[in-house]
Amino acid sequence: MTLIAYGVAINTALKNPRTKLEDLKALREHARSLMKAQGDLKGALGKLEKEIKARQGAAKKAAKKKKK
């Protein structure tokens, strides 16, 4: 069984009672290695969101100044 380790694939494997224990373990290990390789993806995404909002705010202020 080949599954990509992400939420949908993991949930699909868990819902299927025919999924073998060895496949669940392999999926777990693959997911762990992907998480380790990604580092703090959740934290990085949060920082990215903050930076996008800050730049959008600055762009709006600059646009208002140009109109005056």
PDB file of N, CA and C in Angstrom:
ATOM      1  N   MET A   1       0.846  -1.175   0.000  1.00  0.00           N
ATOM      2  CA  MET A   1       0.000   0.000   0.000  1.00  0.00           C
ATOM      3  C   MET A   1       0.887   1.232   0.000  1.00  0.00           C
ATOM      4  N   THR A   2       0.626   2.168  -0.911  1.00  0.00           N
ATOM      5  CA  THR A   2       1.379   3.403  -0.975  1.00  0.00           C
ATOM      6  C   THR A   2       0.437   4.555  -0.676  1.00  0.00           C
ATOM      7  N   LEU A   3       0.730   5.270   0.391  1.00  0.00           N
ATOM      8  CA  LEU A   3      -0.052   6.448   0.758  1.00  0.00           C
ATOM      9  C   LEU A   3       0.892   7.595   1.047  1.00  0.00           C
ATOM     10  N   ILE A   4       0.519   8.768   0.620  1.00  0.00           N
ATOM     11  CA  ILE A   4       1.286   9.956   0.959  1.00  0.00           C
ATOM     12  C   ILE A   4       0.856  10.380   2.348  1.00  0.00           C
ATOM     13  N   ALA A   5       1.825  10.715   3.197  1.00  0.00           N
ATOM     14  CA  ALA A   5       1.518  11.027   4.598  1.00  0.00           C
ATOM     15  C   ALA A   5       0.990  12.452   4.740  1.00  0.00           C
ATOM     16  N   TYR A   6      -0.274  12.597   4.695  1.00  0.00           N
ATOM     17  CA  TYR A   6      -0.946  13.842   5.024  1.00  0.00           C
ATOM     18  C   TYR A   6      -2.286  13.457   5.611  1.00  0.00           C
ATOM     19  N   GLY A   7      -2.980  14.426   6.184  1.00  0.00           N
ATOM     20  CA  GLY A   7      -4.189  14.131   6.944  1.00  0.00           C
ATOM     21  C   GLY A   7      -5.197  13.242   6.250  1.00  0.00           C
ATOM     22  N   VAL A   8      -5.507  13.509   5.014  1.00  0.00           N
ATOM     23  CA  VAL A   8      -6.521  12.727   4.302  1.00  0.00           C
ATOM     24  C   VAL A   8      -6.070  11.281   4.129  1.00  0.00           C
ATOM     25  N   ALA A   9      -4.826  11.095   3.739  1.00  0.00           N
ATOM     26  CA  ALA A   9      -4.314   9.724   3.544  1.00  0.00           C
ATOM     27  C   ALA A   9      -4.278   8.961   4.861  1.00  0.00           C
ATOM     28  N   ILE A  10      -3.865   9.643   5.924  1.00  0.00           N
ATOM     29  CA  ILE A  10      -3.822   8.988   7.229  1.00  0.00           C
ATOM     30  C   ILE A  10      -5.227   8.614   7.677  1.00  0.00           C
ATOM     31  N   ASN A  11      -6.166   9.541   7.549  1.00  0.00           N
ATOM     32  CA  ASN A  11      -7.541   9.255   7.950  1.00  0.00           C
ATOM     33  C   ASN A  11      -8.164   8.142   7.115  1.00  0.00           C
ATOM     34  N   THR A  12      -7.845   8.114   5.834  1.00  0.00           N
ATOM     35  CA  THR A  12      -8.352   7.047   4.969  1.00  0.00           C
ATOM     36  C   THR A  12      -7.823   5.692   5.435  1.00  0.00           C
ATOM     37  N   ALA A  13      -6.552   5.649   5.755  1.00  0.00           N
ATOM     38  CA  ALA A  13      -5.955   4.388   6.231  1.00  0.00           C
ATOM     39  C   ALA A  13      -6.586   3.953   7.546  1.00  0.00           C
ATOM     40  N   LEU A  14      -6.864   4.912   8.425  1.00  0.00           N
ATOM     41  CA  LEU A  14      -7.450   4.582   9.723  1.00  0.00           C
ATOM     42  C   LEU A  14      -8.892   4.094   9.599  1.00  0.00           C
ATOM     43  N   LYS A  15      -9.612   4.634   8.632  1.00  0.00           N
ATOM     44  CA  LYS A  15     -11.015   4.242   8.455  1.00  0.00           C
ATOM     45  C   LYS A  15     -11.164   2.864   7.825  1.00  0.00           C
ATOM     46  N   ASN A  16     -10.148   2.434   7.124  1.00  0.00           N
ATOM     47  CA  ASN A  16     -10.217   1.151   6.434  1.00  0.00           C
ATOM     48  C   ASN A  16      -9.758   0.033   7.374  1.00  0.00           C
ATOM     49  N   PRO A  17     -10.675  -0.808   7.825  1.00  0.00           N
ATOM     50  CA  PRO A  17     -10.287  -1.885   8.743  1.00  0.00           C
ATOM     51  C   PRO A  17      -9.360  -2.911   8.097  1.00  0.00           C
ATOM     52  N   ARG A  18      -9.245  -2.877   6.787  1.00  0.00           N
ATOM     53  CA  ARG A  18      -8.366  -3.825   6.088  1.00  0.00           C
ATOM     54  C   ARG A  18      -6.935  -3.312   5.968  1.00  0.00           C
ATOM     55  N   THR A  19      -6.692  -2.066   6.407  1.00  0.00           N
ATOM     56  CA  THR A  19      -5.330  -1.544   6.368  1.00  0.00           C
ATOM     57  C   THR A  19      -4.480  -2.339   7.348  1.00  0.00           C
ATOM     58  N   LYS A  20      -3.394  -2.862   6.847  1.00  0.00           N
ATOM     59  CA  LYS A  20      -2.523  -3.713   7.670  1.00  0.00           C
ATOM     60  C   LYS A  20      -1.759  -2.874   8.693  1.00  0.00           C
ATOM     61  N   LEU A  21      -1.487  -3.491   9.834  1.00  0.00           N
ATOM     62  CA  LEU A  21      -0.724  -2.848  10.895  1.00  0.00           C
ATOM     63  C   LEU A  21       0.635  -2.383  10.373  1.00  0.00           C
ATOM     64  N   GLU A  22       1.279  -3.193   9.572  1.00  0.00           N
ATOM     65  CA  GLU A  22       2.589  -2.812   9.036  1.00  0.00           C
ATOM     66  C   GLU A  22       2.483  -1.573   8.148  1.00  0.00           C
ATOM     67  N   ASP A  23       1.370  -1.439   7.427  1.00  0.00           N
ATOM     68  CA  ASP A  23       1.166  -0.247   6.600  1.00  0.00           C
ATOM     69  C   ASP A  23       0.931   0.998   7.461  1.00  0.00           C
ATOM     70  N   LEU A  24       0.188   0.836   8.558  1.00  0.00           N
ATOM     71  CA  LEU A  24      -0.023   1.959   9.473  1.00  0.00           C
ATOM     72  C   LEU A  24       1.299   2.418  10.080  1.00  0.00           C
ATOM     73  N   LYS A  25       2.127   1.462  10.468  1.00  0.00           N
ATOM     74  CA  LYS A  25       3.423   1.799  11.047  1.00  0.00           C
ATOM     75  C   LYS A  25       4.324   2.492  10.025  1.00  0.00           C
ATOM     76  N   ALA A  26       4.307   2.009   8.793  1.00  0.00           N
ATOM     77  CA  ALA A  26       5.109   2.628   7.735  1.00  0.00           C
ATOM     78  C   ALA A  26       4.619   4.053   7.459  1.00  0.00           C
ATOM     79  N   LEU A  27       3.318   4.227   7.451  1.00  0.00           N
ATOM     80  CA  LEU A  27       2.735   5.552   7.238  1.00  0.00           C
ATOM     81  C   LEU A  27       3.141   6.491   8.371  1.00  0.00           C
ATOM     82  N   ARG A  28       3.119   5.989   9.602  1.00  0.00           N
ATOM     83  CA  ARG A  28       3.522   6.781  10.761  1.00  0.00           C
ATOM     84  C   ARG A  28       4.974   7.226  10.630  1.00  0.00           C
ATOM     85  N   GLU A  29       5.846   6.310  10.265  1.00  0.00           N
ATOM     86  CA  GLU A  29       7.263   6.650  10.142  1.00  0.00           C
ATOM     87  C   GLU A  29       7.501   7.665   9.028  1.00  0.00           C
ATOM     88  N   HIS A  30       6.791   7.468   7.939  1.00  0.00           N
ATOM     89  CA  HIS A  30       6.923   8.409   6.826  1.00  0.00           C
ATOM     90  C   HIS A  30       6.433   9.794   7.241  1.00  0.00           C
ATOM     91  N   ALA A  31       5.316   9.853   7.941  1.00  0.00           N
ATOM     92  CA  ALA A  31       4.770  11.138   8.406  1.00  0.00           C
ATOM     93  C   ALA A  31       5.738  11.803   9.378  1.00  0.00           C
ATOM     94  N   ARG A  32       6.327  11.037  10.269  1.00  0.00           N
ATOM     95  CA  ARG A  32       7.301  11.589  11.215  1.00  0.00           C
ATOM     96  C   ARG A  32       8.506  12.179  10.486  1.00  0.00           C
ATOM     97  N   SER A  33       8.998  11.476   9.477  1.00  0.00           N
ATOM     98  CA  SER A  33      10.165  11.982   8.749  1.00  0.00           C
ATOM     99  C   SER A  33       9.822  13.252   7.978  1.00  0.00           C
ATOM    100  N   LEU A  34       8.612  13.314   7.435  1.00  0.00           N
ATOM    101  CA  LEU A  34       8.192  14.529   6.738  1.00  0.00           C
ATOM    102  C   LEU A  34       8.071  15.704   7.703  1.00  0.00           C
ATOM    103  N   MET A  35       7.501  15.463   8.872  1.00  0.00           N
ATOM    104  CA  MET A  35       7.363  16.523   9.868  1.00  0.00           C
ATOM    105  C   MET A  35       8.738  17.023  10.308  1.00  0.00           C
ATOM    106  N   LYS A  36       9.666  16.099  10.505  1.00  0.00           N
ATOM    107  CA  LYS A  36      11.009  16.484  10.925  1.00  0.00           C
ATOM    108  C   LYS A  36      11.689  17.320   9.843  1.00  0.00           C
ATOM    109  N   ALA A  37      11.508  16.931   8.597  1.00  0.00           N
ATOM    110  CA  ALA A  37      12.125  17.652   7.485  1.00  0.00           C
ATOM    111  C   ALA A  37      11.542  19.056   7.325  1.00  0.00           C
ATOM    112  N   GLN A  38      10.278  19.218   7.708  1.00  0.00           N
ATOM    113  CA  GLN A  38       9.615  20.505   7.553  1.00  0.00           C
ATOM    114  C   GLN A  38       9.981  21.493   8.653  1.00  0.00           C
ATOM    115  N   GLY A  39      10.506  21.012   9.752  1.00  0.00           N
ATOM    116  CA  GLY A  39      10.786  21.908  10.868  1.00  0.00           C
ATOM    117  C   GLY A  39       9.478  22.413  11.453  1.00  0.00           C
ATOM    118  N   ASP A  40       9.462  23.651  11.859  1.00  0.00           N
ATOM    119  CA  ASP A  40       8.261  24.232  12.460  1.00  0.00           C
ATOM    120  C   ASP A  40       7.416  24.886  11.364  1.00  0.00           C
ATOM    121  N   LEU A  41       6.787  24.071  10.555  1.00  0.00           N
ATOM    122  CA  LEU A  41       5.989  24.574   9.446  1.00  0.00           C
ATOM    123  C   LEU A  41       4.825  25.423   9.938  1.00  0.00           C
ATOM    124  N   LYS A  42       4.178  25.010  11.012  1.00  0.00           N
ATOM    125  CA  LYS A  42       3.052  25.771  11.562  1.00  0.00           C
ATOM    126  C   LYS A  42       3.517  27.155  12.021  1.00  0.00           C
ATOM    127  N   GLY A  43       4.628  27.207  12.716  1.00  0.00           N
ATOM    128  CA  GLY A  43       5.173  28.485  13.177  1.00  0.00           C
ATOM    129  C   GLY A  43       5.589  29.371  12.015  1.00  0.00           C
ATOM    130  N   ALA A  44       6.229  28.782  11.016  1.00  0.00           N
ATOM    131  CA  ALA A  44       6.662  29.542   9.843  1.00  0.00           C
ATOM    132  C   ALA A  44       5.469  30.101   9.086  1.00  0.00           C
ATOM    133  N   LEU A  45       4.418  29.314   8.982  1.00  0.00           N
ATOM    134  CA  LEU A  45       3.215  29.788   8.297  1.00  0.00           C
ATOM    135  C   LEU A  45       2.583  30.951   9.057  1.00  0.00           C
ATOM    136  N   GLY A  46       2.579  30.870  10.383  1.00  0.00           N
ATOM    137  CA  GLY A  46       2.053  31.965  11.199  1.00  0.00           C
ATOM    138  C   GLY A  46       2.833  33.251  10.972  1.00  0.00           C
ATOM    139  N   LYS A  47       4.160  33.159  10.921  1.00  0.00           N
ATOM    140  CA  LYS A  47       5.003  34.329  10.654  1.00  0.00           C
ATOM    141  C   LYS A  47       4.740  34.886   9.262  1.00  0.00           C
ATOM    142  N   LEU A  48       4.556  33.996   8.309  1.00  0.00           N
ATOM    143  CA  LEU A  48       4.269  34.406   6.942  1.00  0.00           C
ATOM    144  C   LEU A  48       2.951  35.163   6.862  1.00  0.00           C
ATOM    145  N   GLU A  49       1.928  34.654   7.544  1.00  0.00           N
ATOM    146  CA  GLU A  49       0.624  35.326   7.569  1.00  0.00           C
ATOM    147  C   GLU A  49       0.744  36.735   8.158  1.00  0.00           C
ATOM    148  N   LYS A  50       1.495  36.879   9.258  1.00  0.00           N
ATOM    149  CA  LYS A  50       1.686  38.191   9.888  1.00  0.00           C
ATOM    150  C   LYS A  50       2.382  39.159   8.943  1.00  0.00           C
ATOM    151  N   GLU A  51       3.409  38.677   8.253  1.00  0.00           N
ATOM    152  CA  GLU A  51       4.146  39.528   7.328  1.00  0.00           C
ATOM    153  C   GLU A  51       3.275  39.964   6.152  1.00  0.00           C
ATOM    154  N   ILE A  52       2.459  39.060   5.648  1.00  0.00           N
ATOM    155  CA  ILE A  52       1.552  39.407   4.544  1.00  0.00           C
ATOM    156  C   ILE A  52       0.574  40.491   4.993  1.00  0.00           C
ATOM    157  N   LYS A  53      -0.002  40.347   6.182  1.00  0.00           N
ATOM    158  CA  LYS A  53      -0.932  41.354   6.698  1.00  0.00           C
ATOM    159  C   LYS A  53      -0.245  42.696   6.877  1.00  0.00           C
ATOM    160  N   ALA A  54       0.971  42.683   7.401  1.00  0.00           N
ATOM    161  CA  ALA A  54       1.713  43.925   7.599  1.00  0.00           C
ATOM    162  C   ALA A  54       1.981  44.616   6.262  1.00  0.00           C
ATOM    163  N   ARG A  55       2.383  43.869   5.285  1.00  0.00           N
ATOM    164  CA  ARG A  55       2.674  44.464   3.969  1.00  0.00           C
ATOM    165  C   ARG A  55       1.413  44.936   3.268  1.00  0.00           C
ATOM    166  N   GLN A  56       0.320  44.222   3.459  1.00  0.00           N
ATOM    167  CA  GLN A  56      -0.944  44.674   2.876  1.00  0.00           C
ATOM    168  C   GLN A  56      -1.359  45.994   3.500  1.00  0.00           C
ATOM    169  N   GLY A  57      -1.198  46.100   4.821  1.00  0.00           N
ATOM    170  CA  GLY A  57      -1.527  47.343   5.516  1.00  0.00           C
ATOM    171  C   GLY A  57      -0.664  48.493   5.031  1.00  0.00           C
ATOM    172  N   ALA A  58       0.622  48.250   4.851  1.00  0.00           N
ATOM    173  CA  ALA A  58       1.539  49.284   4.366  1.00  0.00           C
ATOM    174  C   ALA A  58       1.188  49.689   2.936  1.00  0.00           C
ATOM    175  N   ALA A  59       0.816  48.722   2.117  1.00  0.00           N
ATOM    176  CA  ALA A  59       0.451  49.022   0.723  1.00  0.00           C
ATOM    177  C   ALA A  59      -0.819  49.869   0.673  1.00  0.00           C
ATOM    178  N   LYS A  60      -1.783  49.579   1.551  1.00  0.00           N
ATOM    179  CA  LYS A  60      -3.021  50.362   1.591  1.00  0.00           C
ATOM    180  C   LYS A  60      -2.740  51.793   2.028  1.00  0.00           C
ATOM    181  N   LYS A  61      -1.865  51.983   3.021  1.00  0.00           N
ATOM    182  CA  LYS A  61      -1.513  53.316   3.481  1.00  0.00           C
ATOM    183  C   LYS A  61      -0.814  54.100   2.383  1.00  0.00           C
ATOM    184  N   ALA A  62       0.097  53.435   1.656  1.00  0.00           N
ATOM    185  CA  ALA A  62       0.807  54.087   0.570  1.00  0.00           C
ATOM    186  C   ALA A  62      -0.152  54.489  -0.544  1.00  0.00           C
ATOM    187  N   ALA A  63      -1.127  53.658  -0.829  1.00  0.00           N
ATOM    188  CA  ALA A  63      -2.102  53.955  -1.873  1.00  0.00           C
ATOM    189  C   ALA A  63      -2.958  55.156  -1.475  1.00  0.00           C
ATOM    190  N   LYS A  64      -3.324  55.249  -0.203  1.00  0.00           N
ATOM    191  CA  LYS A  64      -4.120  56.385   0.279  1.00  0.00           C
ATOM    192  C   LYS A  64      -3.328  57.683   0.179  1.00  0.00           C
ATOM    193  N   LYS A  65      -2.023  57.636   0.478  1.00  0.00           N
ATOM    194  CA  LYS A  65      -1.182  58.821   0.414  1.00  0.00           C
ATOM    195  C   LYS A  65      -1.041  59.313  -1.035  1.00  0.00           C
ATOM    196  N   LYS A  66      -0.980  58.382  -1.982  1.00  0.00           N
ATOM    197  CA  LYS A  66      -0.865  58.749  -3.393  1.00  0.00           C
ATOM    198  C   LYS A  66      -2.103  59.467  -3.886  1.00  0.00           C
ATOM    199  N   LYS A  67      -3.269  59.077  -3.364  1.00  0.00           N
ATOM    200  CA  LYS A  67      -4.539  59.670  -3.790  1.00  0.00           C
ATOM    201  C   LYS A  67      -4.676  61.111  -3.299  1.00  0.00           C
ATOM    202  N   LYS A  68      -3.997  61.444  -2.207  1.00  0.00           N
ATOM    203  CA  LYS A  68      -4.113  62.799  -1.637  1.00  0.00           C
ATOM    204  C   LYS A  68      -3.332  63.804  -2.386  1.00  0.00           C
TER     205      LYS A  68
END
